[in-house]
């Protein structure tokens, strides 16, 4: 799972958002409780303009880790997307 998370981060660093998205999905499928995988997935979804999916991803992560700090950023559709920090 960590390998997929790291690959996702590497893809994001070179702005290969589709690769980042795919590896983040793989990361979450290997360990559905690994919160950083959700962050990577939501980041890729945001860059791929899948804003509603990103919001859903982060809300799912929040249900697993209710004490997680969230910050709001603009979503062109619903006006809010949450990013985990």
C-alpha atoms as a PDB file:
ATOM      1  CA  UNK A   1       0.000   0.000   0.000  1.00  0.00           C
ATOM      2  CA  UNK A   2       2.799   2.428   0.851  1.00  0.00           C
ATOM      3  CA  UNK A   3       4.351   1.844  -2.563  1.00  0.00           C
ATOM      4  CA  UNK A   4       1.140   2.876  -4.299  1.00  0.00           C
ATOM      5  CA  UNK A   5       0.863   5.952  -2.093  1.00  0.00           C
ATOM      6  CA  UNK A   6       4.438   6.937  -2.931  1.00  0.00           C
ATOM      7  CA  UNK A   7       3.854   6.301  -6.633  1.00  0.00           C
ATOM      8  CA  UNK A   8       0.752   8.470  -6.467  1.00  0.00           C
ATOM      9  CA  UNK A   9       2.806  11.274  -4.899  1.00  0.00           C
ATOM     10  CA  UNK A  10       5.502  10.919  -7.546  1.00  0.00           C
ATOM     11  CA  UNK A  11       2.955  11.090 -10.347  1.00  0.00           C
ATOM     12  CA  UNK A  12       1.454  14.177  -8.722  1.00  0.00           C
ATOM     13  CA  UNK A  13       4.891  15.806  -8.554  1.00  0.00           C
ATOM     14  CA  UNK A  14       5.204  15.539 -12.333  1.00  0.00           C
ATOM     15  CA  UNK A  15       1.532  16.461 -12.814  1.00  0.00           C
ATOM     16  CA  UNK A  16       0.550  13.049 -14.164  1.00  0.00           C
ATOM     17  CA  UNK A  17      -2.844  13.226 -12.481  1.00  0.00           C
ATOM     18  CA  UNK A  18      -4.271  10.098 -14.101  1.00  0.00           C
ATOM     19  CA  UNK A  19      -1.340   8.025 -12.840  1.00  0.00           C
ATOM     20  CA  UNK A  20      -1.674   9.596  -9.414  1.00  0.00           C
ATOM     21  CA  UNK A  21      -5.389   8.808  -9.412  1.00  0.00           C
ATOM     22  CA  UNK A  22      -4.887   5.155 -10.391  1.00  0.00           C
ATOM     23  CA  UNK A  23      -2.201   4.514  -7.790  1.00  0.00           C
ATOM     24  CA  UNK A  24      -4.214   6.247  -5.074  1.00  0.00           C
ATOM     25  CA  UNK A  25      -7.134   3.945  -5.889  1.00  0.00           C
ATOM     26  CA  UNK A  26      -4.785   0.952  -5.659  1.00  0.00           C
ATOM     27  CA  UNK A  27      -3.498   2.228  -2.318  1.00  0.00           C
ATOM     28  CA  UNK A  28      -6.998   2.498  -0.876  1.00  0.00           C
ATOM     29  CA  UNK A  29      -7.996  -0.908  -2.215  1.00  0.00           C
ATOM     30  CA  UNK A  30      -5.021  -2.468  -0.398  1.00  0.00           C
ATOM     31  CA  UNK A  31      -5.775  -0.690   2.890  1.00  0.00           C
ATOM     32  CA  UNK A  32      -9.120   1.127   3.086  1.00  0.00           C
ATOM     33  CA  UNK A  33      -8.153   2.701   6.433  1.00  0.00           C
ATOM     34  CA  UNK A  34      -4.979   4.405   5.166  1.00  0.00           C
ATOM     35  CA  UNK A  35      -6.051   8.050   5.298  1.00  0.00           C
ATOM     36  CA  UNK A  36      -3.181   9.437   3.255  1.00  0.00           C
ATOM     37  CA  UNK A  37      -4.393   7.338   0.317  1.00  0.00           C
ATOM     38  CA  UNK A  38      -7.669   9.248   0.428  1.00  0.00           C
ATOM     39  CA  UNK A  39      -5.801  12.541   0.435  1.00  0.00           C
ATOM     40  CA  UNK A  40      -3.791  11.461  -2.610  1.00  0.00           C
ATOM     41  CA  UNK A  41      -6.952  10.304  -4.371  1.00  0.00           C
ATOM     42  CA  UNK A  42      -8.838  13.523  -3.629  1.00  0.00           C
ATOM     43  CA  UNK A  43      -5.886  15.629  -4.784  1.00  0.00           C
ATOM     44  CA  UNK A  44      -5.777  13.769  -8.101  1.00  0.00           C
ATOM     45  CA  UNK A  45      -9.557  13.963  -8.464  1.00  0.00           C
ATOM     46  CA  UNK A  46      -9.416  17.723  -7.902  1.00  0.00           C
ATOM     47  CA  UNK A  47      -6.753  18.168 -10.563  1.00  0.00           C
ATOM     48  CA  UNK A  48      -8.787  15.985 -12.954  1.00  0.00           C
ATOM     49  CA  UNK A  49     -11.733  18.328 -12.246  1.00  0.00           C
ATOM     50  CA  UNK A  50     -13.714  15.560 -10.537  1.00  0.00           C
ATOM     51  CA  UNK A  51     -14.732  17.907  -7.748  1.00  0.00           C
ATOM     52  CA  UNK A  52     -17.759  16.000  -6.507  1.00  0.00           C
ATOM     53  CA  UNK A  53     -15.741  12.784  -6.366  1.00  0.00           C
ATOM     54  CA  UNK A  54     -12.995  14.556  -4.415  1.00  0.00           C
ATOM     55  CA  UNK A  55     -15.489  15.830  -1.890  1.00  0.00           C
ATOM     56  CA  UNK A  56     -17.000  12.339  -1.520  1.00  0.00           C
ATOM     57  CA  UNK A  57     -13.535  10.830  -1.066  1.00  0.00           C
ATOM     58  CA  UNK A  58     -12.626  13.274   1.680  1.00  0.00           C
ATOM     59  CA  UNK A  59     -15.933  12.861   3.452  1.00  0.00           C
ATOM     60  CA  UNK A  60     -15.352   9.084   3.455  1.00  0.00           C
ATOM     61  CA  UNK A  61     -11.925   9.639   5.005  1.00  0.00           C
ATOM     62  CA  UNK A  62     -13.426  11.933   7.602  1.00  0.00           C
ATOM     63  CA  UNK A  63     -15.885   9.250   8.718  1.00  0.00           C
ATOM     64  CA  UNK A  64     -12.922   6.967   9.446  1.00  0.00           C
ATOM     65  CA  UNK A  65     -10.856   9.649  11.199  1.00  0.00           C
ATOM     66  CA  UNK A  66     -13.359  12.114  12.686  1.00  0.00           C
ATOM     67  CA  UNK A  67     -10.657  14.118  14.486  1.00  0.00           C
ATOM     68  CA  UNK A  68      -8.831  14.970  11.258  1.00  0.00           C
ATOM     69  CA  UNK A  69      -8.277  18.670  10.637  1.00  0.00           C
ATOM     70  CA  UNK A  70      -9.931  19.911   7.457  1.00  0.00           C
ATOM     71  CA  UNK A  71      -9.389  23.024   5.451  1.00  0.00           C
ATOM     72  CA  UNK A  72     -11.841  24.380   2.893  1.00  0.00           C
ATOM     73  CA  UNK A  73     -10.991  25.209  -0.706  1.00  0.00           C
ATOM     74  CA  UNK A  74     -13.231  26.430  -3.487  1.00  0.00           C
ATOM     75  CA  UNK A  75     -15.192  23.921  -5.559  1.00  0.00           C
ATOM     76  CA  UNK A  76     -16.728  25.469  -8.678  1.00  0.00           C
ATOM     77  CA  UNK A  77     -19.819  23.266  -8.330  1.00  0.00           C
ATOM     78  CA  UNK A  78     -20.676  23.174  -4.640  1.00  0.00           C
ATOM     79  CA  UNK A  79     -18.367  25.986  -3.496  1.00  0.00           C
ATOM     80  CA  UNK A  80     -16.525  23.717  -1.021  1.00  0.00           C
ATOM     81  CA  UNK A  81     -14.041  20.864  -1.207  1.00  0.00           C
ATOM     82  CA  UNK A  82     -12.279  19.640   1.902  1.00  0.00           C
ATOM     83  CA  UNK A  83      -8.620  18.695   2.012  1.00  0.00           C
ATOM     84  CA  UNK A  84      -7.124  16.664   4.821  1.00  0.00           C
ATOM     85  CA  UNK A  85      -4.058  17.895   6.656  1.00  0.00           C
END
